Every structure is written in structure tokens, then in C-alpha cells.
PDB file of N, CA and C in Angstrom:
ATOM      1  N   MET A   1    -108.089  91.193-103.113  1.00  0.00           N
ATOM      2  CA  MET A   1    -107.177  92.240-103.538  1.00  0.00           C
ATOM      3  C   MET A   1    -107.095  92.218-105.069  1.00  0.00           C
ATOM      4  N   PRO A   2    -107.102  93.392-105.700  1.00  0.00           N
ATOM      5  CA  PRO A   2    -107.014  93.431-107.160  1.00  0.00           C
ATOM      6  C   PRO A   2    -105.661  92.955-107.666  1.00  0.00           C
ATOM      7  N   ALA A   3    -105.681  92.393-108.880  1.00  0.00           N
ATOM      8  CA  ALA A   3    -104.423  92.057-109.553  1.00  0.00           C
ATOM      9  C   ALA A   3    -103.685  93.367-109.842  1.00  0.00           C
ATOM     10  N   GLU A   4    -102.403  93.268-110.104  1.00  0.00           N
ATOM     11  CA  GLU A   4    -101.570  94.462-110.297  1.00  0.00           C
ATOM     12  C   GLU A   4    -102.082  95.381-111.398  1.00  0.00           C
ATOM     13  N   ASP A   5    -102.579  94.824-112.481  1.00  0.00           N
ATOM     14  CA  ASP A   5    -103.007  95.625-113.628  1.00  0.00           C
ATOM     15  C   ASP A   5    -104.521  95.802-113.707  1.00  0.00           C
ATOM     16  N   GLU A   6    -105.204  95.685-112.573  1.00  0.00           N
ATOM     17  CA  GLU A   6    -106.672  95.696-112.558  1.00  0.00           C
ATOM     18  C   GLU A   6    -107.170  96.538-111.386  1.00  0.00           C
ATOM     19  N   THR A   7    -108.262  97.273-111.602  1.00  0.00           N
ATOM     20  CA  THR A   7    -108.847  98.039-110.503  1.00  0.00           C
ATOM     21  C   THR A   7    -109.897  97.238-109.762  1.00  0.00           C
ATOM     22  N   ARG A   8    -110.516  96.261-110.454  1.00  0.00           N
ATOM     23  CA  ARG A   8    -111.525  95.410-109.814  1.00  0.00           C
ATOM     24  C   ARG A   8    -110.823  94.300-109.036  1.00  0.00           C
ATOM     25  N   SER A   9    -111.447  93.865-107.970  1.00  0.00           N
ATOM     26  CA  SER A   9    -110.833  92.792-107.174  1.00  0.00           C
ATOM     27  C   SER A   9    -111.567  91.461-107.345  1.00  0.00           C
ATOM     28  N   ASN A  10    -112.507  91.399-108.290  1.00  0.00           N
ATOM     29  CA  ASN A  10    -113.244  90.163-108.521  1.00  0.00           C
ATOM     30  C   ASN A  10    -112.297  89.000-108.776  1.00  0.00           C
ATOM     31  N   LEU A  11    -112.619  87.844-108.195  1.00  0.00           N
ATOM     32  CA  LEU A  11    -111.759  86.671-108.363  1.00  0.00           C
ATOM     33  C   LEU A  11    -111.642  86.277-109.822  1.00  0.00           C
ATOM     34  N   HIS A  12    -112.730  86.414-110.589  1.00  0.00           N
ATOM     35  CA  HIS A  12    -112.694  85.971-111.982  1.00  0.00           C
ATOM     36  C   HIS A  12    -111.860  86.879-112.891  1.00  0.00           C
ATOM     37  N   VAL A  13    -111.424  88.027-112.403  1.00  0.00           N
ATOM     38  CA  VAL A  13    -110.533  88.875-113.196  1.00  0.00           C
ATOM     39  C   VAL A  13    -109.142  88.939-112.580  1.00  0.00           C
ATOM     40  N   GLY A  14    -108.843  87.972-111.719  1.00  0.00           N
ATOM     41  CA  GLY A  14    -107.495  87.879-111.170  1.00  0.00           C
ATOM     42  C   GLY A  14    -107.319  88.419-109.773  1.00  0.00           C
ATOM     43  N   GLY A  15    -108.412  88.853-109.158  1.00  0.00           N
ATOM     44  CA  GLY A  15    -108.309  89.311-107.774  1.00  0.00           C
ATOM     45  C   GLY A  15    -107.902  88.165-106.861  1.00  0.00           C
ATOM     46  N   LYS A  16    -107.311  88.494-105.749  1.00  0.00           N
ATOM     47  CA  LYS A  16    -106.829  87.484-104.806  1.00  0.00           C
ATOM     48  C   LYS A  16    -107.610  87.605-103.498  1.00  0.00           C
ATOM     49  N   ALA A  17    -108.119  86.480-103.029  1.00  0.00           N
ATOM     50  CA  ALA A  17    -108.836  86.472-101.748  1.00  0.00           C
ATOM     51  C   ALA A  17    -107.843  86.691-100.615  1.00  0.00           C
ATOM     52  N   GLU A  18    -108.307  87.418 -99.621  1.00  0.00           N
ATOM     53  CA  GLU A  18    -107.479  87.690 -98.456  1.00  0.00           C
ATOM     54  C   GLU A  18    -108.365  87.581 -97.214  1.00  0.00           C
ATOM     55  N   ALA A  19    -107.895  86.880 -96.212  1.00  0.00           N
ATOM     56  CA  ALA A  19    -108.672  86.743 -94.978  1.00  0.00           C
ATOM     57  C   ALA A  19    -108.837  88.112 -94.319  1.00  0.00           C
ATOM     58  N   ALA A  20    -110.015  88.332 -93.773  1.00  0.00           N
ATOM     59  CA  ALA A  20    -110.289  89.604 -93.106  1.00  0.00           C
ATOM     60  C   ALA A  20    -111.206  89.347 -91.919  1.00  0.00           C
ATOM     61  N   THR A  21    -111.182  90.247 -90.983  1.00  0.00           N
ATOM     62  CA  THR A  21    -112.068  90.183 -89.824  1.00  0.00           C
ATOM     63  C   THR A  21    -113.233  91.128 -90.075  1.00  0.00           C
ATOM     64  N   LEU A  22    -114.454  90.653 -89.823  1.00  0.00           N
ATOM     65  CA  LEU A  22    -115.618  91.510 -90.001  1.00  0.00           C
ATOM     66  C   LEU A  22    -115.596  92.643 -88.989  1.00  0.00           C
ATOM     67  N   THR A  23    -115.939  93.822 -89.462  1.00  0.00           N
ATOM     68  CA  THR A  23    -116.038  94.979 -88.567  1.00  0.00           C
ATOM     69  C   THR A  23    -117.429  94.996 -87.934  1.00  0.00           C
ATOM     70  N   ALA A  24    -117.599  95.859 -86.964  1.00  0.00           N
ATOM     71  CA  ALA A  24    -118.918  96.027 -86.346  1.00  0.00           C
ATOM     72  C   ALA A  24    -119.936  96.459 -87.402  1.00  0.00           C
ATOM     73  N   ARG A  25    -119.524  97.314 -88.321  1.00  0.00           N
ATOM     74  CA  ARG A  25    -120.424  97.770 -89.391  1.00  0.00           C
ATOM     75  C   ARG A  25    -120.783  96.616 -90.324  1.00  0.00           C
ATOM     76  N   ASP A  26    -119.814  95.764 -90.666  1.00  0.00           N
ATOM     77  CA  ASP A  26    -120.099  94.581 -91.492  1.00  0.00           C
ATOM     78  C   ASP A  26    -121.169  93.723 -90.818  1.00  0.00           C
ATOM     79  N   ARG A  27    -121.008  93.507 -89.528  1.00  0.00           N
ATOM     80  CA  ARG A  27    -121.971  92.691 -88.776  1.00  0.00           C
ATOM     81  C   ARG A  27    -123.348  93.357 -88.721  1.00  0.00           C
ATOM     82  N   GLU A  28    -123.362  94.669 -88.605  1.00  0.00           N
ATOM     83  CA  GLU A  28    -124.632  95.395 -88.604  1.00  0.00           C
ATOM     84  C   GLU A  28    -125.350  95.225 -89.941  1.00  0.00           C
ATOM     85  N   ILE A  29    -124.615  95.349 -91.026  1.00  0.00           N
ATOM     86  CA  ILE A  29    -125.208  95.173 -92.353  1.00  0.00           C
ATOM     87  C   ILE A  29    -125.789  93.766 -92.482  1.00  0.00           C
ATOM     88  N   CYS A  30    -125.033  92.769 -92.083  1.00  0.00           N
ATOM     89  CA  CYS A  30    -125.511  91.381 -92.158  1.00  0.00           C
ATOM     90  C   CYS A  30    -126.753  91.170 -91.289  1.00  0.00           C
ATOM     91  N   ALA A  31    -126.746  91.735 -90.098  1.00  0.00           N
ATOM     92  CA  ALA A  31    -127.889  91.577 -89.188  1.00  0.00           C
ATOM     93  C   ALA A  31    -129.148  92.224 -89.750  1.00  0.00           C
ATOM     94  N   ARG A  32    -128.993  93.322 -90.457  1.00  0.00           N
ATOM     95  CA  ARG A  32    -130.148  93.999 -91.035  1.00  0.00           C
ATOM     96  C   ARG A  32    -130.632  93.307 -92.298  1.00  0.00           C
ATOM     97  N   LEU A  33    -129.722  92.790 -93.105  1.00  0.00           N
ATOM     98  CA  LEU A  33    -130.093  92.122 -94.354  1.00  0.00           C
ATOM     99  C   LEU A  33    -130.583  90.695 -94.145  1.00  0.00           C
ATOM    100  N   GLY A  34    -129.952  89.991 -93.232  1.00  0.00           N
ATOM    101  CA  GLY A  34    -130.199  88.561 -93.055  1.00  0.00           C
ATOM    102  C   GLY A  34    -131.653  88.162 -92.960  1.00  0.00           C
ATOM    103  N   PRO A  35    -132.427  88.764 -92.067  1.00  0.00           N
ATOM    104  CA  PRO A  35    -133.822  88.349 -91.930  1.00  0.00           C
ATOM    105  C   PRO A  35    -134.635  88.520 -93.220  1.00  0.00           C
ATOM    106  N   GLU A  36    -134.409  89.595 -93.946  1.00  0.00           N
ATOM    107  CA  GLU A  36    -135.158  89.818 -95.194  1.00  0.00           C
ATOM    108  C   GLU A  36    -134.737  88.808 -96.263  1.00  0.00           C
ATOM    109  N   LEU A  37    -133.458  88.548 -96.368  1.00  0.00           N
ATOM    110  CA  LEU A  37    -132.992  87.571 -97.360  1.00  0.00           C
ATOM    111  C   LEU A  37    -133.529  86.186 -97.038  1.00  0.00           C
ATOM    112  N   LYS A  38    -133.511  85.829 -95.761  1.00  0.00           N
ATOM    113  CA  LYS A  38    -134.045  84.534 -95.341  1.00  0.00           C
ATOM    114  C   LYS A  38    -135.539  84.452 -95.625  1.00  0.00           C
ATOM    115  N   LYS A  39    -136.268  85.540 -95.340  1.00  0.00           N
ATOM    116  CA  LYS A  39    -137.709  85.583 -95.602  1.00  0.00           C
ATOM    117  C   LYS A  39    -138.009  85.333 -97.082  1.00  0.00           C
ATOM    118  N   ARG A  40    -137.103  85.753 -97.937  1.00  0.00           N
ATOM    119  CA  ARG A  40    -137.265  85.575 -99.378  1.00  0.00           C
ATOM    120  C   ARG A  40    -136.790  84.201 -99.860  1.00  0.00           C
ATOM    121  N   GLY A  41    -136.365  83.359 -98.900  1.00  0.00           N
ATOM    122  CA  GLY A  41    -135.968  81.999 -99.241  1.00  0.00           C
ATOM    123  C   GLY A  41    -134.551  81.855 -99.753  1.00  0.00           C
ATOM    124  N   LEU A  42    -133.748  82.884 -99.613  1.00  0.00           N
ATOM    125  CA  LEU A  42    -132.362  82.830-100.091  1.00  0.00           C
ATOM    126  C   LEU A  42    -131.490  82.177 -99.032  1.00  0.00           C
ATOM    127  N   ILE A  43    -130.679  81.209 -99.447  1.00  0.00           N
ATOM    128  CA  ILE A  43    -129.862  80.486 -98.474  1.00  0.00           C
ATOM    129  C   ILE A  43    -128.369  80.765 -98.614  1.00  0.00           C
ATOM    130  N   PHE A  44    -127.961  81.334 -99.734  1.00  0.00           N
ATOM    131  CA  PHE A  44    -126.545  81.679 -99.908  1.00  0.00           C
ATOM    132  C   PHE A  44    -126.471  82.952-100.741  1.00  0.00           C
ATOM    133  N   VAL A  45    -126.032  84.018-100.110  1.00  0.00           N
ATOM    134  CA  VAL A  45    -125.981  85.327-100.741  1.00  0.00           C
ATOM    135  C   VAL A  45    -124.632  85.947-100.436  1.00  0.00           C
ATOM    136  N   GLY A  46    -124.064  86.582-101.423  1.00  0.00           N
ATOM    137  CA  GLY A  46    -122.830  87.315-101.202  1.00  0.00           C
ATOM    138  C   GLY A  46    -123.111  88.801-101.192  1.00  0.00           C
ATOM    139  N   ILE A  47    -122.408  89.524-100.358  1.00  0.00           N
ATOM    140  CA  ILE A  47    -122.557  90.978-100.354  1.00  0.00           C
ATOM    141  C   ILE A  47    -121.195  91.620-100.552  1.00  0.00           C
ATOM    142  N   ASP A  48    -121.220  92.793-101.154  1.00  0.00           N
ATOM    143  CA  ASP A  48    -120.009  93.587-101.310  1.00  0.00           C
ATOM    144  C   ASP A  48    -120.154  94.812-100.416  1.00  0.00           C
ATOM    145  N   VAL A  49    -119.137  95.048 -99.620  1.00  0.00           N
ATOM    146  CA  VAL A  49    -119.109  96.217 -98.748  1.00  0.00           C
ATOM    147  C   VAL A  49    -117.815  96.956 -99.027  1.00  0.00           C
ATOM    148  N   ILE A  50    -117.948  98.226 -99.305  1.00  0.00           N
ATOM    149  CA  ILE A  50    -116.770  99.081 -99.492  1.00  0.00           C
ATOM    150  C   ILE A  50    -116.823 100.136 -98.404  1.00  0.00           C
ATOM    151  N   GLY A  51    -115.787 100.146 -97.580  1.00  0.00           N
ATOM    152  CA  GLY A  51    -115.802 101.044 -96.432  1.00  0.00           C
ATOM    153  C   GLY A  51    -116.935 100.631 -95.505  1.00  0.00           C
ATOM    154  N   ASP A  52    -117.820 101.547 -95.232  1.00  0.00           N
ATOM    155  CA  ASP A  52    -118.966 101.271 -94.367  1.00  0.00           C
ATOM    156  C   ASP A  52    -120.253 101.056 -95.149  1.00  0.00           C
ATOM    157  N   TYR A  53    -120.154 100.918 -96.469  1.00  0.00           N
ATOM    158  CA  TYR A  53    -121.356 100.911 -97.294  1.00  0.00           C
ATOM    159  C   TYR A  53    -121.563  99.616 -98.064  1.00  0.00           C
ATOM    160  N   LEU A  54    -122.795  99.120 -98.013  1.00  0.00           N
ATOM    161  CA  LEU A  54    -123.207  97.988 -98.829  1.00  0.00           C
ATOM    162  C   LEU A  54    -123.287  98.481-100.266  1.00  0.00           C
ATOM    163  N   THR A  55    -122.584  97.816-101.177  1.00  0.00           N
ATOM    164  CA  THR A  55    -122.593  98.258-102.570  1.00  0.00           C
ATOM    165  C   THR A  55    -123.281  97.270-103.495  1.00  0.00           C
ATOM    166  N   GLU A  56    -123.410  96.016-103.072  1.00  0.00           N
ATOM    167  CA  GLU A  56    -123.992  95.023-103.974  1.00  0.00           C
ATOM    168  C   GLU A  56    -124.458  93.808-103.173  1.00  0.00           C
ATOM    169  N   ILE A  57    -125.561  93.223-103.631  1.00  0.00           N
ATOM    170  CA  ILE A  57    -126.056  91.961-103.083  1.00  0.00           C
ATOM    171  C   ILE A  57    -126.070  90.965-104.237  1.00  0.00           C
ATOM    172  N   ASN A  58    -125.323  89.890-104.103  1.00  0.00           N
ATOM    173  CA  ASN A  58    -125.206  88.886-105.162  1.00  0.00           C
ATOM    174  C   ASN A  58    -126.038  87.665-104.805  1.00  0.00           C
ATOM    175  N   VAL A  59    -127.149  87.490-105.499  1.00  0.00           N
ATOM    176  CA  VAL A  59    -128.030  86.359-105.204  1.00  0.00           C
ATOM    177  C   VAL A  59    -127.955  85.266-106.261  1.00  0.00           C
ATOM    178  N   THR A  60    -127.389  85.559-107.425  1.00  0.00           N
ATOM    179  CA  THR A  60    -127.333  84.541-108.479  1.00  0.00           C
ATOM    180  C   THR A  60    -125.968  83.904-108.626  1.00  0.00           C
ATOM    181  N   SER A  61    -124.909  84.596-108.226  1.00  0.00           N
ATOM    182  CA  SER A  61    -123.584  84.000-108.375  1.00  0.00           C
ATOM    183  C   SER A  61    -122.611  84.465-107.293  1.00  0.00           C
ATOM    184  N   PRO A  62    -123.002  84.257-106.035  1.00  0.00           N
ATOM    185  CA  PRO A  62    -122.046  84.629-104.983  1.00  0.00           C
ATOM    186  C   PRO A  62    -120.815  83.727-105.057  1.00  0.00           C
ATOM    187  N   THR A  63    -119.691  84.265-104.678  1.00  0.00           N
ATOM    188  CA  THR A  63    -118.443  83.494-104.735  1.00  0.00           C
ATOM    189  C   THR A  63    -117.818  83.421-103.354  1.00  0.00           C
ATOM    190  N   GLY A  64    -116.730  82.703-103.274  1.00  0.00           N
ATOM    191  CA  GLY A  64    -115.952  82.682-102.052  1.00  0.00           C
ATOM    192  C   GLY A  64    -116.010  81.396-101.259  1.00  0.00           C
ATOM    193  N   ILE A  65    -116.793  80.409-101.710  1.00  0.00           N
ATOM    194  CA  ILE A  65    -116.912  79.158-100.948  1.00  0.00           C
ATOM    195  C   ILE A  65    -115.542  78.513-100.745  1.00  0.00           C
ATOM    196  N   ARG A  66    -114.794  78.376-101.818  1.00  0.00           N
ATOM    197  CA  ARG A  66    -113.474  77.731-101.705  1.00  0.00           C
ATOM    198  C   ARG A  66    -112.515  78.578-100.883  1.00  0.00           C
ATOM    199  N   GLN A  67    -112.638  79.896-101.009  1.00  0.00           N
ATOM    200  CA  GLN A  67    -111.726  80.769-100.276  1.00  0.00           C
ATOM    201  C   GLN A  67    -111.982  80.700 -98.776  1.00  0.00           C
ATOM    202  N   VAL A  68    -113.241  80.589 -98.364  1.00  0.00           N
ATOM    203  CA  VAL A  68    -113.537  80.455 -96.933  1.00  0.00           C
ATOM    204  C   VAL A  68    -112.868  79.196 -96.397  1.00  0.00           C
ATOM    205  N   ALA A  69    -112.991  78.093 -97.114  1.00  0.00           N
ATOM    206  CA  ALA A  69    -112.360  76.841 -96.691  1.00  0.00           C
ATOM    207  C   ALA A  69    -110.836  76.990 -96.679  1.00  0.00           C
ATOM    208  N   GLN A  70    -110.314  77.676 -97.691  1.00  0.00           N
ATOM    209  CA  GLN A  70    -108.865  77.880 -97.800  1.00  0.00           C
ATOM    210  C   GLN A  70    -108.313  78.590 -96.560  1.00  0.00           C
ATOM    211  N   PHE A  71    -109.100  79.483 -95.975  1.00  0.00           N
ATOM    212  CA  PHE A  71    -108.653  80.218 -94.797  1.00  0.00           C
ATOM    213  C   PHE A  71    -109.080  79.567 -93.498  1.00  0.00           C
ATOM    214  N   GLY A  72    -109.544  78.301 -93.569  1.00  0.00           N
ATOM    215  CA  GLY A  72    -109.855  77.546 -92.365  1.00  0.00           C
ATOM    216  C   GLY A  72    -111.279  77.687 -91.871  1.00  0.00           C
ATOM    217  N   GLY A  73    -112.139  78.271 -92.702  1.00  0.00           N
ATOM    218  CA  GLY A  73    -113.544  78.429 -92.317  1.00  0.00           C
ATOM    219  C   GLY A  73    -114.333  77.157 -92.563  1.00  0.00           C
ATOM    220  N   PRO A  74    -115.637  77.229 -92.350  1.00  0.00           N
ATOM    221  CA  PRO A  74    -116.491  76.047 -92.495  1.00  0.00           C
ATOM    222  C   PRO A  74    -116.658  75.618 -93.938  1.00  0.00           C
ATOM    223  N   ASP A  75    -117.144  74.403 -94.129  1.00  0.00           N
ATOM    224  CA  ASP A  75    -117.438  73.866 -95.454  1.00  0.00           C
ATOM    225  C   ASP A  75    -118.807  74.408 -95.888  1.00  0.00           C
ATOM    226  N   ILE A  76    -118.799  75.580 -96.496  1.00  0.00           N
ATOM    227  CA  ILE A  76    -120.044  76.241 -96.864  1.00  0.00           C
ATOM    228  C   ILE A  76    -120.829  75.427 -97.885  1.00  0.00           C
ATOM    229  N   ALA A  77    -120.141  74.769 -98.801  1.00  0.00           N
ATOM    230  CA  ALA A  77    -120.845  73.953 -99.803  1.00  0.00           C
ATOM    231  C   ALA A  77    -121.681  72.883 -99.115  1.00  0.00           C
ATOM    232  N   ALA A  78    -121.125  72.220 -98.136  1.00  0.00           N
ATOM    233  CA  ALA A  78    -121.872  71.189 -97.398  1.00  0.00           C
ATOM    234  C   ALA A  78    -123.032  71.809 -96.631  1.00  0.00           C
ATOM    235  N   MET A  79    -122.812  72.988 -96.067  1.00  0.00           N
ATOM    236  CA  MET A  79    -123.879  73.671 -95.329  1.00  0.00           C
ATOM    237  C   MET A  79    -125.049  74.017 -96.261  1.00  0.00           C
ATOM    238  N   ILE A  80    -124.739  74.480 -97.463  1.00  0.00           N
ATOM    239  CA  ILE A  80    -125.787  74.816 -98.430  1.00  0.00           C
ATOM    240  C   ILE A  80    -126.587  73.569 -98.791  1.00  0.00           C
ATOM    241  N   TRP A  81    -125.897  72.482 -99.078  1.00  0.00           N
ATOM    242  CA  TRP A  81    -126.601  71.240 -99.436  1.00  0.00           C
ATOM    243  C   TRP A  81    -127.446  70.725 -98.280  1.00  0.00           C
ATOM    244  N   ASP A  82    -126.980  70.896 -97.055  1.00  0.00           N
ATOM    245  CA  ASP A  82    -127.787  70.494 -95.892  1.00  0.00           C
ATOM    246  C   ASP A  82    -129.107  71.260 -95.867  1.00  0.00           C
ATOM    247  N   VAL A  83    -129.056  72.557 -96.130  1.00  0.00           N
ATOM    248  CA  VAL A  83    -130.270  73.378 -96.141  1.00  0.00           C
ATOM    249  C   VAL A  83    -131.179  72.966 -97.292  1.00  0.00           C
ATOM    250  N   VAL A  84    -130.599  72.757 -98.473  1.00  0.00           N
ATOM    251  CA  VAL A  84    -131.395  72.347 -99.637  1.00  0.00           C
ATOM    252  C   VAL A  84    -132.082  71.010 -99.361  1.00  0.00           C
ATOM    253  N   GLU A  85    -131.329  70.043 -98.845  1.00  0.00           N
ATOM    254  CA  GLU A  85    -131.909  68.727 -98.554  1.00  0.00           C
ATOM    255  C   GLU A  85    -133.019  68.824 -97.506  1.00  0.00           C
ATOM    256  N   ALA A  86    -132.850  69.664 -96.499  1.00  0.00           N
ATOM    257  CA  ALA A  86    -133.867  69.843 -95.482  1.00  0.00           C
ATOM    258  C   ALA A  86    -135.124  70.460 -96.093  1.00  0.00           C
ATOM    259  N   LYS A  87    -134.960  71.446 -96.982  1.00  0.00           N
ATOM    260  CA  LYS A  87    -136.098  72.066 -97.648  1.00  0.00           C
ATOM    261  C   LYS A  87    -136.846  71.043 -98.516  1.00  0.00           C
ATOM    262  N   VAL A  88    -136.102  70.210 -99.207  1.00  0.00           N
ATOM    263  CA  VAL A  88    -136.726  69.180-100.046  1.00  0.00           C
ATOM    264  C   VAL A  88    -137.487  68.200 -99.169  1.00  0.00           C
ATOM    265  N   ALA A  89    -136.888  67.788 -98.068  1.00  0.00           N
ATOM    266  CA  ALA A  89    -137.545  66.842 -97.160  1.00  0.00           C
ATOM    267  C   ALA A  89    -138.838  67.410 -96.576  1.00  0.00           C
ATOM    268  N   ARG A  90    -138.879  68.731 -96.386  1.00  0.00           N
ATOM    269  CA  ARG A  90    -140.085  69.389 -95.859  1.00  0.00           C
ATOM    270  C   ARG A  90    -141.075  69.760 -96.964  1.00  0.00           C
ATOM    271  N   GLY A  91    -140.699  69.504 -98.214  1.00  0.00           N
ATOM    272  CA  GLY A  91    -141.559  69.845 -99.339  1.00  0.00           C
ATOM    273  C   GLY A  91    -141.552  71.322 -99.690  1.00  0.00           C
ATOM    274  N   GLU A  92    -140.508  72.025 -99.315  1.00  0.00           N
ATOM    275  CA  GLU A  92    -140.422  73.458 -99.566  1.00  0.00           C
ATOM    276  C   GLU A  92    -139.690  73.795-100.869  1.00  0.00           C
ATOM    277  N   ALA A  93    -139.102  72.792-101.493  1.00  0.00           N
ATOM    278  CA  ALA A  93    -138.330  73.079-102.713  1.00  0.00           C
ATOM    279  C   ALA A  93    -138.859  72.297-103.882  1.00  0.00           C
TER     280      ALA A  93
END
């Protein structure tokens, strides 16, 4: 959610994370993007969806790891390191 004096909701400009339930459209977007992102070797990507539309794919600085944990979700940081370590062990990184 955007800060009171801001139109952007980015966390770094004072936006506040809020728990939300993924819609069917959100899941459709993820299902369509996921295989291509994985094929490109990306293991942690953030997407921005406004309404029913994908507006941005963040591959260099996705955010939200701490916020997911804050709302009771999985430890994404540990999950990322597990994937990185597995790739290194297989000689892929």
C-alpha cells in the first residue's frame, strides 16, 4: 500500500506490505511466466500485477522476502540458497 503522500507503493519509498490472496488471474500469469523464467535460469523473480495485467518483471532486485516471512510464509531466503547450493554442487553455477 502506498504511503499517505506517495502514489507509488514501492517498499523503498515508504509503501507498506499487505498480505493478499492470489487471484486466478495472478496464478495464470505465474503459470505462463514460470517455465520461461526457469528455462532462463532465474530462481527468484518478482512480478508486478495491476488489476489483471502484468506490468513488470523484476529480475535484478525483486523484493518481499522479509514480508513473506512476516506474514507467515516460507523462508524464501533459505529456499534461494538451497537452489544456489544445488546448482553449484551440479556444476551449473
